[in-house]
Amino acid sequence: MMEMTNVLSFENVLSMEDLSAADVLEFIKEASQFKNGKEVTLTRPVYASNLFFENSTRTHTSFEMAERKLGMNVVNFDPSTSSLSKGESMADTVKTLQAIGVDLVAIRDRKNEYYKDLVEDPNVHLGIANGGDGSGQHPSQSLLDMMTIYEEFGHFEGLKVAIIGDLAHSRVARSNMEVLTKLGAKVYFGGPEKWFNEDFAEYGEWREIDELVPEMDVMMFLRVQHERLAADENGSFSDVKYHETYGLTQARERRMKDDAIIMHPAPVNRDVEIADELVECDRSRIFAQMSNGVFIRMAILASMLRYRGLIEE
């Protein structure tokens, strides 16, 4: 059982590197409380906006759902019709939203560590939740993954977790390898070996997928991020060959441990990373991850509201 270690209060939530193991467990605890019906009372009307400069279904809508469940007012923002198209900087866009009364923003951008310019700007005071930065960090995804694993096993110590797929371009892989190590799990990697480098070697070893399948407690797959690959790599890519070589086929699934689970941050390319029939099989926690994402994002936002004295305790 998790014990209360602290009341979560963060100015911003930007990177898993900023969170201790105790912080992660506390986020899971509060998210579980929200899942079980916990409600909060705001000290005044609170306004949030979601600035997604990369396409997103799950993270974008999940943040909005979390904001609405917490009783916040959501201010719509569409990058395609904003003044960014006229040359306005992200910092000035954020300061504009701040000036009209927005308290918190969730942001996703193609640039790694885009948030550094914002948090170093003395004129930016609103709260920032990182919804993903380039190939850098994705803290809310990582936390919902940890929540899903904890719900399944009740602990992290000694668990064997394989992260398999497009490692080089994955912010999920980076966030998860760091936090899983902090929490005491043993991390392994799979997929094309060319996408495994020294950044990952610090956290775990690479193995062929057929070596990983019978040993792992968690098989976490990543999609191939074609939008970040060079034209020649995309041109020579074969869905069928990738699935046969690196994917979770039905034959491989049958060799998994009885209590092992399948995870994927989605979107899933069926019959590429995972066989179509396995996406919603009994082992799969893919849609459970999505559900948990709302509650984890509620906990993230609540910590930022608490920091600003916007929640009645």
C-alpha atoms as a PDB file:
ATOM      1  CA  MET A   1       0.000   0.000   0.000  1.00  0.00           C
ATOM      2  CA  MET A   2       1.145   3.527  -0.758  1.00  0.00           C
ATOM      3  CA  GLU A   3       1.613   5.865   2.173  1.00  0.00           C
ATOM      4  CA  MET A   4       1.157   9.633   2.031  1.00  0.00           C
ATOM      5  CA  THR A   5       4.585  11.227   1.711  1.00  0.00           C
ATOM      6  CA  ASN A   6       3.686  14.797   0.801  1.00  0.00           C
ATOM      7  CA  VAL A   7       0.936  16.979  -0.560  1.00  0.00           C
ATOM      8  CA  LEU A   8       1.721  17.493  -4.226  1.00  0.00           C
ATOM      9  CA  SER A   9       2.467  21.127  -5.015  1.00  0.00           C
ATOM     10  CA  PHE A  10       4.379  21.982  -8.196  1.00  0.00           C
ATOM     11  CA  GLU A  11       4.787  25.296  -9.960  1.00  0.00           C
ATOM     12  CA  ASN A  12       5.128  23.441 -13.289  1.00  0.00           C
ATOM     13  CA  VAL A  13       5.314  19.773 -14.342  1.00  0.00           C
ATOM     14  CA  LEU A  14       7.857  19.580 -17.149  1.00  0.00           C
ATOM     15  CA  SER A  15      10.125  16.544 -16.916  1.00  0.00           C
ATOM     16  CA  MET A  16      10.340  13.226 -15.114  1.00  0.00           C
ATOM     17  CA  GLU A  17      13.884  14.206 -14.178  1.00  0.00           C
ATOM     18  CA  ASP A  18      12.380  16.723 -11.740  1.00  0.00           C
ATOM     19  CA  LEU A  19      10.334  14.096  -9.862  1.00  0.00           C
ATOM     20  CA  SER A  20      11.539  11.791  -7.106  1.00  0.00           C
ATOM     21  CA  ALA A  21      10.269   8.235  -6.694  1.00  0.00           C
ATOM     22  CA  ALA A  22       8.139   9.502  -3.789  1.00  0.00           C
ATOM     23  CA  ASP A  23       6.642  12.205  -6.022  1.00  0.00           C
ATOM     24  CA  VAL A  24       5.705   9.606  -8.637  1.00  0.00           C
ATOM     25  CA  LEU A  25       3.995   7.413  -6.045  1.00  0.00           C
ATOM     26  CA  GLU A  26       2.133  10.430  -4.704  1.00  0.00           C
ATOM     27  CA  PHE A  27       0.904  11.337  -8.202  1.00  0.00           C
ATOM     28  CA  ILE A  28      -0.345   7.754  -8.575  1.00  0.00           C
ATOM     29  CA  LYS A  29      -2.044   7.960  -5.165  1.00  0.00           C
ATOM     30  CA  GLU A  30      -3.911  11.184  -5.938  1.00  0.00           C
ATOM     31  CA  ALA A  31      -4.824   9.988  -9.431  1.00  0.00           C
ATOM     32  CA  SER A  32      -6.271   6.815  -7.880  1.00  0.00           C
ATOM     33  CA  GLN A  33      -8.283   8.981  -5.502  1.00  0.00           C
ATOM     34  CA  PHE A  34      -9.678  10.952  -8.436  1.00  0.00           C
ATOM     35  CA  LYS A  35     -10.481   7.666 -10.158  1.00  0.00           C
ATOM     36  CA  ASN A  36     -12.442   6.648  -7.061  1.00  0.00           C
ATOM     37  CA  GLY A  37     -14.469   9.853  -7.056  1.00  0.00           C
ATOM     38  CA  LYS A  38     -12.403  12.422  -5.171  1.00  0.00           C
ATOM     39  CA  GLU A  39     -13.458  16.005  -5.931  1.00  0.00           C
ATOM     40  CA  VAL A  40     -11.816  19.355  -5.250  1.00  0.00           C
ATOM     41  CA  THR A  41     -13.217  22.816  -4.682  1.00  0.00           C
ATOM     42  CA  LEU A  42     -11.555  25.765  -6.412  1.00  0.00           C
ATOM     43  CA  THR A  43     -11.089  29.038  -4.549  1.00  0.00           C
ATOM     44  CA  ARG A  44     -12.218  31.045  -7.598  1.00  0.00           C
ATOM     45  CA  PRO A  45     -12.982  30.503 -11.290  1.00  0.00           C
ATOM     46  CA  VAL A  46      -9.859  29.013 -12.909  1.00  0.00           C
ATOM     47  CA  TYR A  47      -8.985  29.093 -16.600  1.00  0.00           C
ATOM     48  CA  ALA A  48      -6.836  26.684 -18.617  1.00  0.00           C
ATOM     49  CA  SER A  49      -5.757  26.480 -22.249  1.00  0.00           C
ATOM     50  CA  ASN A  50      -4.142  23.692 -24.271  1.00  0.00           C
ATOM     51  CA  LEU A  51      -1.490  24.695 -26.801  1.00  0.00           C
ATOM     52  CA  PHE A  52      -0.745  21.719 -29.022  1.00  0.00           C
ATOM     53  CA  PHE A  53       1.636  22.537 -31.851  1.00  0.00           C
ATOM     54  CA  GLU A  54       1.912  18.834 -32.755  1.00  0.00           C
ATOM     55  CA  ASN A  55      -1.024  16.587 -33.572  1.00  0.00           C
ATOM     56  CA  SER A  56      -2.536  14.763 -30.620  1.00  0.00           C
ATOM     57  CA  THR A  57      -5.712  12.874 -29.801  1.00  0.00           C
ATOM     58  CA  ARG A  58      -5.182  11.239 -26.392  1.00  0.00           C
ATOM     59  CA  THR A  59      -3.021  13.808 -24.597  1.00  0.00           C
ATOM     60  CA  HIS A  60      -4.941  16.852 -25.856  1.00  0.00           C
ATOM     61  CA  THR A  61      -8.427  15.552 -25.118  1.00  0.00           C
ATOM     62  CA  SER A  62      -7.261  13.940 -21.878  1.00  0.00           C
ATOM     63  CA  PHE A  63      -5.932  17.251 -20.552  1.00  0.00           C
ATOM     64  CA  GLU A  64      -9.180  18.960 -21.500  1.00  0.00           C
ATOM     65  CA  MET A  65     -11.244  16.267 -19.801  1.00  0.00           C
ATOM     66  CA  ALA A  66      -9.047  16.525 -16.694  1.00  0.00           C
ATOM     67  CA  GLU A  67      -9.465  20.295 -16.619  1.00  0.00           C
ATOM     68  CA  ARG A  68     -13.234  20.056 -16.903  1.00  0.00           C
ATOM     69  CA  LYS A  69     -13.464  17.334 -14.244  1.00  0.00           C
ATOM     70  CA  LEU A  70     -11.574  19.641 -11.875  1.00  0.00           C
ATOM     71  CA  GLY A  71     -14.106  22.396 -12.540  1.00  0.00           C
ATOM     72  CA  MET A  72     -11.818  24.581 -14.654  1.00  0.00           C
ATOM     73  CA  ASN A  73     -12.939  26.703 -17.603  1.00  0.00           C
ATOM     74  CA  VAL A  74     -11.169  25.747 -20.838  1.00  0.00           C
ATOM     75  CA  VAL A  75     -10.172  28.533 -23.242  1.00  0.00           C
ATOM     76  CA  ASN A  76      -9.970  27.141 -26.772  1.00  0.00           C
ATOM     77  CA  PHE A  77      -6.693  27.623 -28.650  1.00  0.00           C
ATOM     78  CA  ASP A  78      -6.105  26.636 -32.285  1.00  0.00           C
ATOM     79  CA  PRO A  79      -2.487  27.101 -33.460  1.00  0.00           C
ATOM     80  CA  SER A  80      -3.574  27.235 -37.120  1.00  0.00           C
ATOM     81  CA  THR A  81      -5.660  30.371 -36.512  1.00  0.00           C
ATOM     82  CA  SER A  82      -3.448  32.008 -33.875  1.00  0.00           C
ATOM     83  CA  SER A  83      -0.985  34.888 -34.262  1.00  0.00           C
ATOM     84  CA  LEU A  84       1.851  32.358 -34.369  1.00  0.00           C
ATOM     85  CA  SER A  85       1.136  32.279 -38.113  1.00  0.00           C
ATOM     86  CA  LYS A  86       1.992  35.989 -38.128  1.00  0.00           C
ATOM     87  CA  GLY A  87       5.344  35.434 -36.457  1.00  0.00           C
ATOM     88  CA  GLU A  88       4.409  35.769 -32.789  1.00  0.00           C
ATOM     89  CA  SER A  89       6.712  33.819 -30.467  1.00  0.00           C
ATOM     90  CA  MET A  90       5.475  31.060 -28.189  1.00  0.00           C
ATOM     91  CA  ALA A  91       6.488  33.173 -25.182  1.00  0.00           C
ATOM     92  CA  ASP A  92       4.373  36.103 -26.361  1.00  0.00           C
ATOM     93  CA  THR A  93       1.460  33.778 -27.079  1.00  0.00           C
ATOM     94  CA  VAL A  94       1.698  32.389 -23.535  1.00  0.00           C
ATOM     95  CA  LYS A  95       1.984  35.882 -22.060  1.00  0.00           C
ATOM     96  CA  THR A  96      -1.083  36.944 -24.049  1.00  0.00           C
ATOM     97  CA  LEU A  97      -3.111  34.094 -22.552  1.00  0.00           C
ATOM     98  CA  GLN A  98      -1.741  34.991 -19.135  1.00  0.00           C
ATOM     99  CA  ALA A  99      -2.741  38.629 -19.630  1.00  0.00           C
ATOM    100  CA  ILE A 100      -6.354  37.727 -20.391  1.00  0.00           C
ATOM    101  CA  GLY A 101      -6.598  35.580 -17.275  1.00  0.00           C
ATOM    102  CA  VAL A 102      -5.476  32.039 -18.127  1.00  0.00           C
ATOM    103  CA  ASP A 103      -3.979  30.330 -15.045  1.00  0.00           C
ATOM    104  CA  LEU A 104      -2.559  27.090 -16.476  1.00  0.00           C
ATOM    105  CA  VAL A 105      -1.522  25.788 -19.901  1.00  0.00           C
ATOM    106  CA  ALA A 106      -0.663  22.351 -21.261  1.00  0.00           C
ATOM    107  CA  ILE A 107       1.776  22.592 -24.163  1.00  0.00           C
ATOM    108  CA  ARG A 108       3.143  20.186 -26.766  1.00  0.00           C
ATOM    109  CA  ASP A 109       5.796  21.296 -29.241  1.00  0.00           C
ATOM    110  CA  ARG A 110       8.240  19.755 -31.712  1.00  0.00           C
ATOM    111  CA  LYS A 111      11.204  21.495 -30.065  1.00  0.00           C
ATOM    112  CA  ASN A 112      13.016  19.626 -27.314  1.00  0.00           C
ATOM    113  CA  GLU A 113      12.883  21.505 -23.995  1.00  0.00           C
ATOM    114  CA  TYR A 114      10.742  24.298 -25.459  1.00  0.00           C
ATOM    115  CA  TYR A 115       9.685  25.072 -21.899  1.00  0.00           C
ATOM    116  CA  LYS A 116      13.127  26.301 -20.807  1.00  0.00           C
ATOM    117  CA  ASP A 117      12.637  29.642 -22.539  1.00  0.00           C
ATOM    118  CA  LEU A 118       9.263  30.014 -20.843  1.00  0.00           C
ATOM    119  CA  VAL A 119      10.268  29.167 -17.285  1.00  0.00           C
ATOM    120  CA  GLU A 120      13.360  31.371 -17.570  1.00  0.00           C
ATOM    121  CA  ASP A 121      11.240  34.337 -18.697  1.00  0.00           C
ATOM    122  CA  PRO A 122      10.561  36.482 -15.582  1.00  0.00           C
ATOM    123  CA  ASN A 123       7.300  37.681 -17.118  1.00  0.00           C
ATOM    124  CA  VAL A 124       5.739  34.209 -17.431  1.00  0.00           C
ATOM    125  CA  HIS A 125       3.879  33.293 -14.260  1.00  0.00           C
ATOM    126  CA  LEU A 126       1.149  30.862 -15.310  1.00  0.00           C
ATOM    127  CA  GLY A 127       1.560  27.133 -14.737  1.00  0.00           C
ATOM    128  CA  ILE A 128       2.926  24.920 -17.509  1.00  0.00           C
ATOM    129  CA  ALA A 129       2.241  21.206 -17.910  1.00  0.00           C
ATOM    130  CA  ASN A 130       4.455  19.620 -20.550  1.00  0.00           C
ATOM    131  CA  GLY A 131       2.332  17.600 -22.965  1.00  0.00           C
ATOM    132  CA  GLY A 132       5.429  16.423 -24.845  1.00  0.00           C
ATOM    133  CA  ASP A 133       8.538  18.120 -26.194  1.00  0.00           C
ATOM    134  CA  GLY A 134      10.046  16.781 -29.412  1.00  0.00           C
ATOM    135  CA  SER A 135      11.928  13.576 -28.648  1.00  0.00           C
ATOM    136  CA  GLY A 136      12.567  14.746 -25.094  1.00  0.00           C
ATOM    137  CA  GLN A 137      10.059  14.199 -22.270  1.00  0.00           C
ATOM    138  CA  HIS A 138       6.410  13.244 -21.867  1.00  0.00           C
ATOM    139  CA  PRO A 139       5.784  13.319 -18.100  1.00  0.00           C
ATOM    140  CA  SER A 140       2.011  12.848 -18.102  1.00  0.00           C
ATOM    141  CA  GLN A 141       2.307   9.775 -20.352  1.00  0.00           C
ATOM    142  CA  SER A 142       5.042   8.362 -18.169  1.00  0.00           C
ATOM    143  CA  LEU A 143       3.005   8.885 -15.012  1.00  0.00           C
ATOM    144  CA  LEU A 144      -0.091   7.225 -16.485  1.00  0.00           C
ATOM    145  CA  ASP A 145       2.087   4.305 -17.535  1.00  0.00           C
ATOM    146  CA  MET A 146       3.415   4.018 -13.973  1.00  0.00           C
ATOM    147  CA  MET A 147      -0.135   4.155 -12.616  1.00  0.00           C
ATOM    148  CA  THR A 148      -1.181   1.336 -14.947  1.00  0.00           C
ATOM    149  CA  ILE A 149       1.778  -0.837 -13.927  1.00  0.00           C
ATOM    150  CA  TYR A 150       1.181  -0.138 -10.233  1.00  0.00           C
ATOM    151  CA  GLU A 151      -2.501  -1.060 -10.523  1.00  0.00           C
ATOM    152  CA  GLU A 152      -1.448  -4.379 -12.034  1.00  0.00           C
ATOM    153  CA  PHE A 153       1.408  -5.426  -9.741  1.00  0.00           C
ATOM    154  CA  GLY A 154       1.189  -3.198  -6.643  1.00  0.00           C
ATOM    155  CA  HIS A 155       4.915  -2.484  -6.751  1.00  0.00           C
ATOM    156  CA  PHE A 156       7.829  -1.723  -9.101  1.00  0.00           C
ATOM    157  CA  GLU A 157      10.788  -3.272  -7.297  1.00  0.00           C
ATOM    158  CA  GLY A 158      12.214  -6.130  -9.349  1.00  0.00           C
ATOM    159  CA  LEU A 159       9.731  -5.922 -12.220  1.00  0.00           C
ATOM    160  CA  LYS A 160      11.184  -6.554 -15.655  1.00  0.00           C
ATOM    161  CA  VAL A 161       9.955  -4.040 -18.219  1.00  0.00           C
ATOM    162  CA  ALA A 162      10.873  -4.087 -21.920  1.00  0.00           C
ATOM    163  CA  ILE A 163      10.524  -0.931 -24.036  1.00  0.00           C
ATOM    164  CA  ILE A 164      10.436  -1.982 -27.676  1.00  0.00           C
ATOM    165  CA  GLY A 165      10.341   0.000 -30.906  1.00  0.00           C
ATOM    166  CA  ASP A 166      11.451   3.388 -32.171  1.00  0.00           C
ATOM    167  CA  LEU A 167      13.608   4.302 -29.182  1.00  0.00           C
ATOM    168  CA  ALA A 168      15.609   7.059 -30.842  1.00  0.00           C
ATOM    169  CA  HIS A 169      12.627   9.302 -31.514  1.00  0.00           C
ATOM    170  CA  SER A 170      10.542   8.443 -28.442  1.00  0.00           C
ATOM    171  CA  ARG A 171      10.016  10.845 -25.547  1.00  0.00           C
ATOM    172  CA  VAL A 172       7.994   8.046 -23.882  1.00  0.00           C
ATOM    173  CA  ALA A 173      11.042   5.752 -23.865  1.00  0.00           C
ATOM    174  CA  ARG A 174      13.223   8.420 -22.283  1.00  0.00           C
ATOM    175  CA  SER A 175      10.721   9.411 -19.618  1.00  0.00           C
ATOM    176  CA  ASN A 176       9.871   5.819 -18.729  1.00  0.00           C
ATOM    177  CA  MET A 177      13.398   4.428 -18.578  1.00  0.00           C
ATOM    178  CA  GLU A 178      14.332   7.125 -16.063  1.00  0.00           C
ATOM    179  CA  VAL A 179      11.346   6.737 -13.762  1.00  0.00           C
ATOM    180  CA  LEU A 180      11.234   2.931 -13.895  1.00  0.00           C
ATOM    181  CA  THR A 181      14.879   2.856 -12.790  1.00  0.00           C
ATOM    182  CA  LYS A 182      14.124   5.276  -9.931  1.00  0.00           C
ATOM    183  CA  LEU A 183      11.273   3.029  -8.824  1.00  0.00           C
ATOM    184  CA  GLY A 184      13.398  -0.131  -8.770  1.00  0.00           C
ATOM    185  CA  ALA A 185      12.301  -1.875 -11.965  1.00  0.00           C
ATOM    186  CA  LYS A 186      14.753  -3.525 -14.353  1.00  0.00           C
ATOM    187  CA  VAL A 187      14.574  -1.991 -17.847  1.00  0.00           C
ATOM    188  CA  TYR A 188      15.346  -3.725 -21.136  1.00  0.00           C
ATOM    189  CA  PHE A 189      15.117  -2.492 -24.706  1.00  0.00           C
ATOM    190  CA  GLY A 190      14.138  -4.065 -28.023  1.00  0.00           C
ATOM    191  CA  GLY A 191      13.378  -3.148 -31.612  1.00  0.00           C
ATOM    192  CA  PRO A 192      15.815  -2.100 -34.347  1.00  0.00           C
ATOM    193  CA  GLU A 193      19.261  -2.018 -32.733  1.00  0.00           C
ATOM    194  CA  LYS A 194      20.206   1.046 -34.818  1.00  0.00           C
ATOM    195  CA  TRP A 195      17.785   3.077 -32.648  1.00  0.00           C
ATOM    196  CA  PHE A 196      19.507   1.965 -29.415  1.00  0.00           C
ATOM    197  CA  ASN A 197      22.354   4.228 -28.298  1.00  0.00           C
ATOM    198  CA  GLU A 198      24.391   5.169 -25.232  1.00  0.00           C
ATOM    199  CA  ASP A 199      21.486   7.234 -23.835  1.00  0.00           C
ATOM    200  CA  PHE A 200      19.563   4.006 -23.381  1.00  0.00           C
ATOM    201  CA  ALA A 201      22.532   1.789 -22.485  1.00  0.00           C
ATOM    202  CA  GLU A 202      22.842   3.714 -19.218  1.00  0.00           C
ATOM    203  CA  TYR A 203      19.434   2.347 -18.162  1.00  0.00           C
ATOM    204  CA  GLY A 204      19.330  -1.153 -19.599  1.00  0.00           C
ATOM    205  CA  GLU A 205      20.501  -3.606 -22.214  1.00  0.00           C
ATOM    206  CA  TRP A 206      19.156  -4.257 -25.715  1.00  0.00           C
ATOM    207  CA  ARG A 207      17.963  -7.764 -26.580  1.00  0.00           C
ATOM    208  CA  GLU A 208      16.245  -9.509 -29.445  1.00  0.00           C
ATOM    209  CA  ILE A 209      12.488  -9.583 -28.909  1.00  0.00           C
ATOM    210  CA  ASP A 210      12.377 -13.386 -28.789  1.00  0.00           C
ATOM    211  CA  GLU A 211      14.736 -13.280 -25.782  1.00  0.00           C
ATOM    212  CA  LEU A 212      12.565 -10.700 -24.015  1.00  0.00           C
ATOM    213  CA  VAL A 213       9.138 -12.278 -24.505  1.00  0.00           C
ATOM    214  CA  PRO A 214       9.336 -15.150 -21.953  1.00  0.00           C
ATOM    215  CA  GLU A 215      11.045 -13.102 -19.207  1.00  0.00           C
ATOM    216  CA  MET A 216       9.264  -9.756 -19.075  1.00  0.00           C
ATOM    217  CA  ASP A 217       6.466  -8.663 -16.745  1.00  0.00           C
ATOM    218  CA  VAL A 218       5.619  -5.716 -18.989  1.00  0.00           C
ATOM    219  CA  MET A 219       6.031  -5.534 -22.763  1.00  0.00           C
ATOM    220  CA  MET A 220       5.755  -1.855 -23.701  1.00  0.00           C
ATOM    221  CA  PHE A 221       5.675  -1.164 -27.435  1.00  0.00           C
ATOM    222  CA  LEU A 222       6.318   2.110 -29.277  1.00  0.00           C
ATOM    223  CA  ARG A 223       5.156   3.073 -32.742  1.00  0.00           C
ATOM    224  CA  VAL A 224       7.634   3.906 -35.499  1.00  0.00           C
ATOM    225  CA  GLN A 225       7.565   7.701 -35.754  1.00  0.00           C
ATOM    226  CA  HIS A 226       7.627   8.078 -39.521  1.00  0.00           C
ATOM    227  CA  GLU A 227       7.235  11.845 -39.212  1.00  0.00           C
ATOM    228  CA  ARG A 228      10.712  11.996 -37.615  1.00  0.00           C
ATOM    229  CA  LEU A 229      12.465   9.555 -39.985  1.00  0.00           C
ATOM    230  CA  ALA A 230      14.529  10.471 -43.006  1.00  0.00           C
ATOM    231  CA  ALA A 231      12.914   9.996 -46.418  1.00  0.00           C
ATOM    232  CA  ASP A 232      15.156   7.036 -47.312  1.00  0.00           C
ATOM    233  CA  GLU A 233      14.235   5.212 -44.077  1.00  0.00           C
ATOM    234  CA  ASN A 234      10.543   5.703 -44.743  1.00  0.00           C
ATOM    235  CA  GLY A 235      10.957   4.646 -48.358  1.00  0.00           C
ATOM    236  CA  SER A 236      12.493   1.300 -47.417  1.00  0.00           C
ATOM    237  CA  PHE A 237      10.182   0.594 -44.476  1.00  0.00           C
ATOM    238  CA  SER A 238       7.986  -2.524 -44.619  1.00  0.00           C
ATOM    239  CA  ASP A 239       5.112  -2.960 -42.155  1.00  0.00           C
ATOM    240  CA  VAL A 240       5.126  -6.729 -42.670  1.00  0.00           C
ATOM    241  CA  LYS A 241       8.872  -7.152 -42.203  1.00  0.00           C
ATOM    242  CA  TYR A 242       8.910  -4.914 -39.128  1.00  0.00           C
ATOM    243  CA  HIS A 243       6.069  -6.875 -37.520  1.00  0.00           C
ATOM    244  CA  GLU A 244       7.745 -10.210 -38.217  1.00  0.00           C
ATOM    245  CA  THR A 245      11.109  -9.039 -36.886  1.00  0.00           C
ATOM    246  CA  TYR A 246      10.272  -6.698 -33.991  1.00  0.00           C
ATOM    247  CA  GLY A 247       6.519  -6.836 -33.355  1.00  0.00           C
ATOM    248  CA  LEU A 248       4.343  -8.766 -30.938  1.00  0.00           C
ATOM    249  CA  THR A 249       2.923 -11.535 -33.071  1.00  0.00           C
ATOM    250  CA  GLN A 250       0.339 -13.994 -31.775  1.00  0.00           C
ATOM    251  CA  ALA A 251       3.036 -16.666 -31.556  1.00  0.00           C
ATOM    252  CA  ARG A 252       5.214 -14.422 -29.390  1.00  0.00           C
ATOM    253  CA  GLU A 253       2.276 -13.486 -27.146  1.00  0.00           C
ATOM    254  CA  ARG A 254       1.718 -17.158 -26.369  1.00  0.00           C
ATOM    255  CA  ARG A 255       5.269 -17.320 -24.969  1.00  0.00           C
ATOM    256  CA  MET A 256       4.736 -14.446 -22.521  1.00  0.00           C
ATOM    257  CA  LYS A 257       4.543 -15.061 -18.758  1.00  0.00           C
ATOM    258  CA  ASP A 258       1.023 -15.869 -17.547  1.00  0.00           C
ATOM    259  CA  ASP A 259       0.636 -12.553 -15.694  1.00  0.00           C
ATOM    260  CA  ALA A 260       2.606 -10.352 -18.104  1.00  0.00           C
ATOM    261  CA  ILE A 261       0.854  -7.363 -19.671  1.00  0.00           C
ATOM    262  CA  ILE A 262       1.025  -5.477 -22.963  1.00  0.00           C
ATOM    263  CA  MET A 263       1.278  -1.682 -23.046  1.00  0.00           C
ATOM    264  CA  HIS A 264       1.522   0.981 -25.747  1.00  0.00           C
ATOM    265  CA  PRO A 265       1.233   4.794 -25.477  1.00  0.00           C
ATOM    266  CA  ALA A 266      -0.783   4.842 -28.720  1.00  0.00           C
ATOM    267  CA  PRO A 267      -1.609   5.560 -31.448  1.00  0.00           C
ATOM    268  CA  VAL A 268      -1.133   1.901 -32.278  1.00  0.00           C
ATOM    269  CA  ASN A 269      -0.284   0.809 -35.789  1.00  0.00           C
ATOM    270  CA  ARG A 270      -2.069  -2.539 -35.763  1.00  0.00           C
ATOM    271  CA  ASP A 271      -0.128  -5.423 -37.302  1.00  0.00           C
ATOM    272  CA  VAL A 272       3.070  -3.374 -37.105  1.00  0.00           C
ATOM    273  CA  GLU A 273       4.076  -3.075 -33.436  1.00  0.00           C
ATOM    274  CA  ILE A 274       1.318  -5.374 -32.188  1.00  0.00           C
ATOM    275  CA  ALA A 275      -0.880  -7.917 -33.970  1.00  0.00           C
ATOM    276  CA  ASP A 276      -4.373  -6.556 -34.487  1.00  0.00           C
ATOM    277  CA  GLU A 277      -5.928  -9.382 -32.448  1.00  0.00           C
ATOM    278  CA  LEU A 278      -3.754  -8.513 -29.416  1.00  0.00           C
ATOM    279  CA  VAL A 279      -4.515  -4.785 -29.128  1.00  0.00           C
ATOM    280  CA  GLU A 280      -7.624  -5.515 -27.061  1.00  0.00           C
ATOM    281  CA  CYS A 281      -6.777  -8.977 -25.738  1.00  0.00           C
ATOM    282  CA  ASP A 282      -6.964  -9.907 -22.037  1.00  0.00           C
ATOM    283  CA  ARG A 283      -3.302  -8.990 -21.516  1.00  0.00           C
ATOM    284  CA  SER A 284      -3.607  -5.580 -23.119  1.00  0.00           C
ATOM    285  CA  ARG A 285      -3.741  -2.495 -20.911  1.00  0.00           C
ATOM    286  CA  ILE A 286      -3.667  -0.020 -23.806  1.00  0.00           C
ATOM    287  CA  PHE A 287      -7.135   1.419 -23.283  1.00  0.00           C
ATOM    288  CA  ALA A 288      -6.717   1.254 -19.493  1.00  0.00           C
ATOM    289  CA  GLN A 289      -3.685   3.505 -19.980  1.00  0.00           C
ATOM    290  CA  MET A 290      -5.847   6.021 -21.813  1.00  0.00           C
ATOM    291  CA  SER A 291      -8.439   5.986 -19.040  1.00  0.00           C
ATOM    292  CA  ASN A 292      -5.766   6.440 -16.376  1.00  0.00           C
ATOM    293  CA  GLY A 293      -4.395   9.376 -18.347  1.00  0.00           C
ATOM    294  CA  VAL A 294      -7.357  11.546 -17.375  1.00  0.00           C
ATOM    295  CA  PHE A 295      -6.848  10.899 -13.651  1.00  0.00           C
ATOM    296  CA  ILE A 296      -3.066  11.365 -13.763  1.00  0.00           C
ATOM    297  CA  ARG A 297      -3.544  14.672 -15.570  1.00  0.00           C
ATOM    298  CA  MET A 298      -6.069  15.683 -12.930  1.00  0.00           C
ATOM    299  CA  ALA A 299      -3.364  15.020 -10.322  1.00  0.00           C
ATOM    300  CA  ILE A 300      -0.791  17.014 -12.319  1.00  0.00           C
ATOM    301  CA  LEU A 301      -3.134  19.973 -12.679  1.00  0.00           C
ATOM    302  CA  ALA A 302      -4.234  19.739  -9.044  1.00  0.00           C
ATOM    303  CA  SER A 303      -0.603  19.990  -7.915  1.00  0.00           C
ATOM    304  CA  MET A 304      -0.211  23.169  -9.956  1.00  0.00           C
ATOM    305  CA  LEU A 305      -3.488  24.593  -8.633  1.00  0.00           C
ATOM    306  CA  ARG A 306      -2.406  23.774  -5.077  1.00  0.00           C
ATOM    307  CA  TYR A 307       0.904  25.585  -5.599  1.00  0.00           C
ATOM    308  CA  ARG A 308      -1.091  28.698  -6.547  1.00  0.00           C
ATOM    309  CA  GLY A 309      -3.523  28.419  -3.659  1.00  0.00           C
ATOM    310  CA  LEU A 310      -6.417  27.723  -6.029  1.00  0.00           C
ATOM    311  CA  ILE A 311      -7.707  24.593  -4.257  1.00  0.00           C
ATOM    312  CA  GLU A 312      -9.581  24.693  -0.952  1.00  0.00           C
ATOM    313  CA  GLU A 313      -7.852  22.176   1.313  1.00  0.00           C
END
